[in-house]
């Protein structure tokens, strides 16, 4: 007679019970009181099929979302198709001096049903070719209409070939308050039409974008802005475009909650000129400017340590006729590859804005046109003088010394 231990009895009984449960489930008279592993009860309720592991889509219903979520959803639904992905192609050279195409990506906003797109200048700068991808995946070759490097803005265009386009509504940035909700739509890291939300963290931030140019009215936001977001829209809760996402401040290269956008009011001011002329016509004081630096201040025993020295000017220029004085040709010094003439006026203020650098001078004249007059304070051998100077058209590129 075969003897069964207690362990054998438990194994036998367990197998019988398991078999009974399995048969019951298959026949339908036993149901499990929980959802399949890894699937929430909510997912189970909206149509999870435990046989083929396919979750059916829940109907789009806004009844159970908050007002804040509803605003986000509606803005995205309405405007995500107005955001495009921009691919720029430039050419570099390998070790064998063979041309090698290189790609960069950014975002842009459709601002006209004929195919005009607003983006950042740095997204399209030096591009040999541009390709614009719409929300439906269709791709078009684009071209540059106009650029404004001083505000990092550009308008590009493509031919939609009769396709109806969704366009952005341009709002205003003049009434923004710290704490206002904002939404950003873009293509970070190539992930198309991504929505992030946040608030206005600051307004009127002066941000230096290169050696000579400072945008003084930048919008600071904590909405995530990552590589690929550049050129995309910053929106208010009504879906109005209030800025153009431009850059992040990040020691690590990723989003850390400090992003910056060019105010839409600046864009609205320059867009007509970019479309009409391909550039912005700005006024300029017709001089050869030299930004002061410590070695020059010490060598020339200058009365101030910051400002812009008037090294040269044309004797018949409007600046000369207004009374500004240039450097003495007999007091020339060579610094690197630049000849500097000492003894000229040092510009320290333009229209109430303190001038400490060339970037300040560009910023002070950013919204002035040729023919307008500006009030300029200069330090002349230790004495401050105030002059009224008519502006000429800015035609020269200022070289860095």
Protein backbone atom coordinates (compact mmCIF):
# COMPACT_ATOMS: atom_id res chain seq x y z
CA UNK A 1 0.00 0.00 0.00
CA UNK A 2 1.42 3.37 -1.16
CA UNK A 3 1.70 5.96 1.61
CA UNK A 4 1.18 9.71 0.99
CA UNK A 5 2.95 12.31 3.05
CA UNK A 6 1.26 15.58 4.10
CA UNK A 7 3.26 17.40 1.44
CA UNK A 8 1.93 15.09 -1.25
CA UNK A 9 -1.62 15.69 -0.09
CA UNK A 10 -1.22 19.50 -0.30
CA UNK A 11 0.25 19.28 -3.78
CA UNK A 12 -2.56 17.00 -4.96
CA UNK A 13 -5.27 19.20 -3.41
CA UNK A 14 -3.72 22.39 -4.82
CA UNK A 15 -3.61 20.95 -8.29
CA UNK A 16 -7.27 19.96 -8.06
CA UNK A 17 -8.34 23.40 -6.86
CA UNK A 18 -6.31 25.15 -9.57
CA UNK A 19 -7.83 22.93 -12.19
CA UNK A 20 -11.33 23.67 -10.89
CA UNK A 21 -10.72 27.45 -10.99
CA UNK A 22 -9.31 27.27 -14.52
CA UNK A 23 -12.31 25.30 -15.76
CA UNK A 24 -14.64 27.77 -14.02
CA UNK A 25 -13.00 30.76 -15.68
CA UNK A 26 -13.19 29.13 -19.09
CA UNK A 27 -16.86 28.21 -18.62
CA UNK A 28 -17.64 31.69 -17.30
CA UNK A 29 -19.15 30.85 -13.90
CA UNK A 30 -16.11 32.17 -12.01
CA UNK A 31 -14.81 35.77 -12.49
CA UNK A 32 -11.68 37.38 -11.08
CA UNK A 33 -12.15 40.35 -8.70
CA UNK A 34 -9.11 42.29 -10.10
CA UNK A 35 -7.75 43.59 -13.39
CA UNK A 36 -4.93 41.85 -15.25
CA UNK A 37 -1.44 42.58 -13.90
CA UNK A 38 -0.15 46.02 -14.84
CA UNK A 39 -3.51 47.30 -16.03
CA UNK A 40 -5.54 49.66 -13.88
CA UNK A 41 -9.20 49.16 -13.20
CA UNK A 42 -9.89 52.26 -15.25
CA UNK A 43 -8.18 50.73 -18.27
CA UNK A 44 -10.13 47.52 -17.75
CA UNK A 45 -13.37 49.49 -17.62
CA UNK A 46 -12.82 51.24 -20.97
CA UNK A 47 -12.45 48.07 -22.94
CA UNK A 48 -9.30 46.14 -22.06
CA UNK A 49 -9.49 42.75 -23.74
CA UNK A 50 -7.60 40.14 -21.66
CA UNK A 51 -7.52 37.68 -24.55
CA UNK A 52 -5.52 39.69 -27.11
CA UNK A 53 -4.09 42.33 -24.72
CA UNK A 54 -5.41 45.19 -26.86
CA UNK A 55 -6.75 48.30 -25.14
CA UNK A 56 -9.52 49.99 -27.07
CA UNK A 57 -9.37 53.78 -27.25
CA UNK A 58 -11.56 55.56 -24.74
CA UNK A 59 -13.96 58.09 -26.23
CA UNK A 60 -12.65 61.67 -26.13
CA UNK A 61 -14.64 63.23 -23.31
CA UNK A 62 -13.86 66.45 -21.49
CA UNK A 63 -16.46 65.94 -18.76
CA UNK A 64 -13.97 64.61 -16.23
CA UNK A 65 -11.09 67.06 -16.76
CA UNK A 66 -10.35 70.27 -14.89
CA UNK A 67 -10.77 73.72 -16.40
CA UNK A 68 -6.99 74.07 -16.64
CA UNK A 69 -6.70 70.75 -18.48
CA UNK A 70 -9.58 71.70 -20.76
CA UNK A 71 -7.77 74.91 -21.76
CA UNK A 72 -4.59 72.97 -22.53
CA UNK A 73 -6.44 70.36 -24.58
CA UNK A 74 -8.41 72.93 -26.58
CA UNK A 75 -5.35 75.08 -27.36
CA UNK A 76 -3.43 72.03 -28.55
CA UNK A 77 -6.34 70.69 -30.61
CA UNK A 78 -6.86 74.04 -32.26
CA UNK A 79 -3.27 75.02 -32.99
CA UNK A 80 -0.93 72.03 -33.13
CA UNK A 81 -1.39 71.84 -36.90
CA UNK A 82 -0.15 75.44 -37.18
CA UNK A 83 3.27 74.32 -35.87
CA UNK A 84 5.75 72.96 -38.42
CA UNK A 85 8.99 71.07 -38.16
CA UNK A 86 11.88 72.81 -39.94
CA UNK A 87 14.89 70.86 -41.18
CA UNK A 88 17.87 72.90 -42.32
CA UNK A 89 20.65 71.40 -44.41
CA UNK A 90 24.14 72.86 -44.37
CA UNK A 91 27.34 71.47 -45.83
CA UNK A 92 30.59 70.82 -44.04
CA UNK A 93 33.73 69.06 -45.25
CA UNK A 94 35.37 65.85 -44.16
CA UNK A 95 39.09 65.11 -43.95
CA UNK A 96 39.18 64.51 -47.72
CA UNK A 97 37.58 67.93 -48.37
CA UNK A 98 34.42 66.24 -49.60
CA UNK A 99 31.14 68.10 -48.90
CA UNK A 100 29.09 66.41 -46.19
CA UNK A 101 25.47 67.42 -45.57
CA UNK A 102 24.55 68.22 -41.98
CA UNK A 103 21.03 68.60 -40.65
CA UNK A 104 19.52 70.73 -37.92
CA UNK A 105 15.94 70.88 -36.75
CA UNK A 106 13.68 73.50 -35.25
CA UNK A 107 10.09 74.63 -35.13
CA UNK A 108 8.02 77.37 -36.68
CA UNK A 109 4.52 78.84 -36.73
CA UNK A 110 2.38 79.29 -39.84
CA UNK A 111 1.30 82.96 -39.82
CA UNK A 112 -0.27 83.19 -43.27
CA UNK A 113 -2.43 80.72 -45.25
CA UNK A 114 -0.16 81.27 -48.25
CA UNK A 115 2.68 79.46 -46.46
CA UNK A 116 4.58 82.09 -44.45
CA UNK A 117 6.28 80.72 -41.33
CA UNK A 118 7.76 82.66 -38.40
CA UNK A 119 10.79 81.11 -36.70
CA UNK A 120 14.20 81.93 -35.21
CA UNK A 121 17.05 83.23 -37.32
CA UNK A 122 19.41 80.67 -35.81
CA UNK A 123 17.16 77.85 -37.05
CA UNK A 124 17.68 78.82 -40.70
CA UNK A 125 21.01 80.65 -40.56
CA UNK A 126 23.50 79.48 -43.22
CA UNK A 127 21.07 76.82 -44.46
CA UNK A 128 21.66 75.63 -48.02
CA UNK A 129 18.23 73.97 -48.09
CA UNK A 130 15.11 74.10 -45.94
CA UNK A 131 12.39 71.49 -45.58
CA UNK A 132 9.09 72.14 -43.82
CA UNK A 133 7.04 69.24 -42.47
CA UNK A 134 3.36 69.71 -41.62
CA UNK A 135 1.28 67.88 -39.02
CA UNK A 136 0.01 65.38 -41.59
CA UNK A 137 3.59 64.39 -42.48
CA UNK A 138 3.68 66.16 -45.83
CA UNK A 139 7.01 67.83 -46.60
CA UNK A 140 7.73 70.95 -48.66
CA UNK A 141 10.91 72.69 -49.66
CA UNK A 142 11.11 76.19 -48.20
CA UNK A 143 13.09 79.37 -48.70
CA UNK A 144 14.07 82.35 -46.57
CA UNK A 145 12.00 85.52 -47.00
CA UNK A 146 13.85 87.73 -44.51
CA UNK A 147 16.00 87.59 -41.38
CA UNK A 148 16.55 89.81 -38.35
CA UNK A 149 19.67 88.56 -36.51
CA UNK A 150 19.37 91.30 -33.88
CA UNK A 151 16.11 89.79 -32.60
CA UNK A 152 16.86 86.22 -33.73
CA UNK A 153 13.81 86.18 -35.99
CA UNK A 154 13.20 84.96 -39.53
CA UNK A 155 10.30 84.55 -41.93
CA UNK A 156 10.42 81.63 -44.36
CA UNK A 157 7.91 80.41 -46.93
CA UNK A 158 6.73 77.32 -48.76
CA UNK A 159 4.09 76.62 -51.41
CA UNK A 160 1.19 74.68 -49.81
CA UNK A 161 -0.07 73.79 -53.30
CA UNK A 162 -3.66 74.60 -52.46
CA UNK A 163 -3.71 72.83 -49.09
CA UNK A 164 -5.73 74.61 -46.40
CA UNK A 165 -3.39 75.62 -43.58
CA UNK A 166 -4.05 76.28 -39.90
CA UNK A 167 -2.53 79.62 -38.88
CA UNK A 168 -1.46 81.19 -35.60
CA UNK A 169 -3.25 84.18 -34.10
CA UNK A 170 -0.73 86.83 -32.99
CA UNK A 171 -1.57 88.25 -29.56
CA UNK A 172 0.34 90.82 -27.54
CA UNK A 173 3.20 90.58 -25.06
CA UNK A 174 2.66 94.06 -23.62
CA UNK A 175 0.33 92.99 -20.81
CA UNK A 176 2.09 89.85 -19.56
CA UNK A 177 2.34 89.34 -15.82
CA UNK A 178 4.61 87.04 -13.87
CA UNK A 179 2.44 84.04 -13.09
CA UNK A 180 0.40 84.04 -16.33
CA UNK A 181 -0.03 80.54 -17.73
CA UNK A 182 1.79 79.80 -20.99
CA UNK A 183 1.92 76.84 -23.35
CA UNK A 184 4.71 75.89 -25.75
CA UNK A 185 4.28 73.69 -28.82
CA UNK A 186 7.33 72.47 -30.70
CA UNK A 187 9.41 69.57 -31.89
CA UNK A 188 11.94 68.87 -29.10
CA UNK A 189 14.51 66.23 -30.05
CA UNK A 190 12.46 65.52 -33.20
CA UNK A 191 9.33 64.55 -31.24
CA UNK A 192 6.78 66.42 -33.32
CA UNK A 193 4.14 68.76 -31.89
CA UNK A 194 4.93 68.28 -28.23
CA UNK A 195 2.98 70.40 -25.73
CA UNK A 196 4.51 71.73 -22.51
CA UNK A 197 2.98 74.14 -20.05
CA UNK A 198 4.26 76.57 -17.45
CA UNK A 199 4.06 80.18 -16.37
CA UNK A 200 5.68 83.50 -17.17
CA UNK A 201 8.64 83.54 -14.79
CA UNK A 202 9.87 87.01 -15.70
CA UNK A 203 9.51 89.78 -18.27
CA UNK A 204 11.86 92.35 -19.77
CA UNK A 205 14.92 90.10 -19.37
CA UNK A 206 18.00 91.41 -21.25
CA UNK A 207 19.62 88.40 -22.94
CA UNK A 208 22.81 88.62 -24.99
CA UNK A 209 22.45 86.40 -28.06
CA UNK A 210 25.87 87.11 -29.60
CA UNK A 211 28.83 89.49 -29.30
CA UNK A 212 26.88 92.57 -30.40
CA UNK A 213 23.20 91.95 -29.84
CA UNK A 214 21.11 91.99 -26.68
CA UNK A 215 17.36 91.41 -26.75
CA UNK A 216 16.19 93.50 -23.80
CA UNK A 217 12.57 92.42 -23.47
CA UNK A 218 12.81 88.62 -23.44
CA UNK A 219 10.08 86.57 -21.76
CA UNK A 220 11.36 84.09 -19.19
CA UNK A 221 9.29 80.93 -18.71
CA UNK A 222 9.52 77.62 -16.88
CA UNK A 223 7.69 75.80 -19.71
CA UNK A 224 10.13 73.16 -20.94
CA UNK A 225 12.08 74.36 -23.98
CA UNK A 226 14.53 71.85 -25.41
CA UNK A 227 16.63 71.55 -28.59
CA UNK A 228 14.14 71.47 -31.47
CA UNK A 229 11.68 73.82 -29.72
CA UNK A 230 13.51 76.85 -31.12
CA UNK A 231 11.24 78.93 -33.33
CA UNK A 232 8.03 77.43 -31.98
CA UNK A 233 5.20 79.42 -30.42
CA UNK A 234 4.71 80.44 -26.81
CA UNK A 235 0.96 80.78 -26.30
CA UNK A 236 -1.37 82.17 -23.67
CA UNK A 237 -4.36 80.23 -22.39
CA UNK A 238 -6.54 81.67 -25.16
CA UNK A 239 -4.29 80.23 -27.86
CA UNK A 240 -2.80 83.58 -28.84
CA UNK A 241 0.88 83.63 -29.75
CA UNK A 242 2.75 85.84 -27.28
CA UNK A 243 6.35 84.82 -27.99
CA UNK A 244 8.78 82.80 -30.08
CA UNK A 245 10.67 80.18 -28.06
CA UNK A 246 14.35 80.87 -28.55
CA UNK A 247 16.72 79.45 -25.96
CA UNK A 248 17.25 77.78 -22.61
CA UNK A 249 19.73 78.49 -19.87
CA UNK A 250 21.17 75.13 -18.96
CA UNK A 251 24.64 74.14 -17.73
CA UNK A 252 23.80 70.52 -18.63
CA UNK A 253 22.25 71.25 -22.04
CA UNK A 254 18.75 70.10 -21.05
CA UNK A 255 15.70 71.96 -19.86
CA UNK A 256 16.08 73.19 -16.27
CA UNK A 257 13.05 75.44 -16.14
CA UNK A 258 14.68 78.60 -17.47
CA UNK A 259 13.60 79.24 -21.04
CA UNK A 260 13.40 82.48 -23.02
CA UNK A 261 11.11 83.67 -25.79
CA UNK A 262 11.24 86.72 -28.06
CA UNK A 263 8.13 88.85 -27.34
CA UNK A 264 5.54 88.74 -30.12
CA UNK A 265 5.31 92.55 -30.12
CA UNK A 266 8.89 92.69 -31.41
CA UNK A 267 8.01 90.17 -34.12
CA UNK A 268 4.89 92.10 -35.14
CA UNK A 269 7.04 95.21 -35.55
CA UNK A 270 9.61 93.59 -37.84
CA UNK A 271 7.56 91.01 -39.81
CA UNK A 272 6.24 93.56 -42.39
CA UNK A 273 9.79 94.72 -43.18
CA UNK A 274 11.12 91.17 -43.39
CA UNK A 275 8.41 90.35 -45.93
CA UNK A 276 8.83 93.59 -47.89
CA UNK A 277 12.61 94.03 -47.82
CA UNK A 278 14.13 90.82 -46.46
CA UNK A 279 15.68 92.76 -43.59
CA UNK A 280 14.92 95.47 -41.03
CA UNK A 281 16.01 99.02 -41.92
CA UNK A 282 17.51 100.49 -38.76
CA UNK A 283 19.10 103.81 -37.97
CA UNK A 284 22.74 104.20 -37.00
CA UNK A 285 25.17 106.84 -35.78
CA UNK A 286 27.66 107.01 -38.63
CA UNK A 287 30.90 106.46 -36.75
CA UNK A 288 33.57 103.82 -36.35
CA UNK A 289 32.89 102.59 -32.79
CA UNK A 290 35.34 100.88 -30.47
CA UNK A 291 34.10 99.23 -27.29
CA UNK A 292 36.29 100.18 -24.34
CA UNK A 293 38.35 97.42 -22.75
CA UNK A 294 40.71 97.50 -19.73
CA UNK A 295 43.98 97.57 -21.66
CA UNK A 296 42.82 100.51 -23.79
CA UNK A 297 41.44 102.41 -20.78
CA UNK A 298 44.70 102.02 -18.91
CA UNK A 299 46.97 102.83 -21.88
CA UNK A 300 45.06 105.96 -22.96
CA UNK A 301 44.24 107.11 -19.40
CA UNK A 302 40.58 107.41 -20.37
CA UNK A 303 38.18 109.20 -17.99
CA UNK A 304 35.67 106.30 -17.99
CA UNK A 305 36.07 102.52 -18.07
CA UNK A 306 32.87 101.67 -19.98
CA UNK A 307 31.36 103.07 -23.15
CA UNK A 308 31.95 103.27 -26.90
CA UNK A 309 34.85 105.32 -28.25
CA UNK A 310 34.30 107.30 -31.47
CA UNK A 311 37.45 106.27 -33.29
CA UNK A 312 36.61 107.72 -36.74
CA UNK A 313 33.83 109.56 -38.52
CA UNK A 314 33.38 111.22 -41.88
CA UNK A 315 33.78 115.02 -41.55
CA UNK A 316 30.67 115.55 -43.69
CA UNK A 317 28.47 113.01 -41.92
CA UNK A 318 25.33 113.89 -39.99
CA UNK A 319 27.04 112.81 -36.76
CA UNK A 320 29.91 115.23 -37.41
CA UNK A 321 27.53 118.06 -38.28
CA UNK A 322 25.66 117.36 -35.03
CA UNK A 323 28.86 118.01 -33.09
CA UNK A 324 30.28 114.60 -32.26
CA UNK A 325 34.09 114.37 -32.41
CA UNK A 326 36.24 111.51 -33.67
CA UNK A 327 39.75 110.42 -32.78
CA UNK A 328 42.99 112.20 -33.58
CA UNK A 329 44.79 110.69 -36.58
CA UNK A 330 48.13 111.46 -34.94
CA UNK A 331 47.24 109.37 -31.89
CA UNK A 332 46.83 105.99 -33.52
CA UNK A 333 47.44 102.72 -31.67
CA UNK A 334 47.40 99.22 -33.10
CA UNK A 335 45.50 96.52 -31.25
CA UNK A 336 45.57 93.10 -32.88
CA UNK A 337 44.46 93.88 -36.46
CA UNK A 338 42.58 97.08 -35.62
CA UNK A 339 43.86 100.66 -35.71
CA UNK A 340 42.30 102.78 -32.96
CA UNK A 341 42.42 106.58 -33.01
CA UNK A 342 42.43 108.10 -29.52
CA UNK A 343 41.03 111.42 -28.35
CA UNK A 344 37.47 111.05 -29.67
CA UNK A 345 34.20 111.31 -27.75
CA UNK A 346 33.09 108.34 -25.64
CA UNK A 347 29.36 107.56 -25.97
CA UNK A 348 27.92 106.79 -22.54
CA UNK A 349 24.15 107.16 -23.09
CA UNK A 350 21.61 107.05 -25.95
CA UNK A 351 18.00 108.12 -25.37
CA UNK A 352 18.36 107.50 -21.65
CA UNK A 353 19.89 104.03 -22.01
CA UNK A 354 23.31 103.61 -20.43
CA UNK A 355 25.91 102.50 -22.96
CA UNK A 356 28.62 100.23 -21.61
CA UNK A 357 29.26 98.14 -24.75
CA UNK A 358 28.57 97.83 -28.46
CA UNK A 359 25.71 95.47 -27.60
CA UNK A 360 24.11 98.31 -25.63
CA UNK A 361 24.52 100.65 -28.58
CA UNK A 362 22.84 98.20 -30.95
CA UNK A 363 20.03 97.67 -28.45
CA UNK A 364 19.49 101.40 -27.98
CA UNK A 365 19.03 101.87 -31.73
CA UNK A 366 17.14 98.62 -32.39
CA UNK A 367 13.76 100.25 -33.01
CA UNK A 368 14.99 103.52 -34.56
CA UNK A 369 14.73 104.29 -38.25
CA UNK A 370 17.04 106.27 -40.56
CA UNK A 371 16.23 109.98 -40.36
CA UNK A 372 15.06 109.87 -36.75
CA UNK A 373 17.00 111.80 -34.10
CA UNK A 374 18.40 110.47 -30.84
CA UNK A 375 19.76 112.18 -27.76
CA UNK A 376 23.35 111.14 -27.09
CA UNK A 377 25.52 111.85 -24.07
CA UNK A 378 29.27 111.73 -24.60
CA UNK A 379 32.25 112.07 -22.31
CA UNK A 380 34.70 114.48 -23.93
CA UNK A 381 37.98 114.63 -21.99
CA UNK A 382 36.16 114.26 -18.68
CA UNK A 383 33.23 116.58 -19.49
CA UNK A 384 29.74 115.20 -20.28
CA UNK A 385 28.01 116.81 -23.27
CA UNK A 386 24.52 116.16 -24.69
CA UNK A 387 24.04 116.08 -28.48
CA UNK A 388 21.05 115.50 -30.77
CA UNK A 389 22.14 113.33 -33.67
CA UNK A 390 20.15 112.38 -36.82
CA UNK A 391 20.47 108.71 -37.75
CA UNK A 392 21.65 107.31 -41.07
CA UNK A 393 20.91 103.87 -42.48
CA UNK A 394 22.91 101.06 -40.95
CA UNK A 395 24.91 99.54 -43.78
CA UNK A 396 28.21 98.49 -42.25
CA UNK A 397 29.04 95.36 -40.32
CA UNK A 398 30.92 96.13 -37.11
CA UNK A 399 34.00 93.94 -36.79
CA UNK A 400 35.02 92.55 -33.43
CA UNK A 401 38.55 93.48 -32.35
